[in-house]
């Protein structure tokens, strides 16, 4: 099983000031494997180095998103919890 390191400084405030979000994928309400499949498709349309924000409430996303990033070569630069979902920030490999 691959493990991807997450920059813990990537809190909402840090990311807001340091990272420009290129696109947001609202995957709230979608179950595995749809959040990752939709993220893969959305990332394909972005430029290398762009950041995709993924919103998901599927409990499996906690494992699936980091695993997807490690396997695809993208960087998971931040995670955070919102009221009813998680937020993942993925920088496209480039």
Foldseek 3Di string as FASTA:
>chain_A
DDAADEDAVCDVVSCVVPADAPEEAECEPPEPPVQLVVVVVVLVPDDAFHKYKYKYQHPCCVVVVRVSCVVQVWHFHDWDDDPRTIITIIGHHD
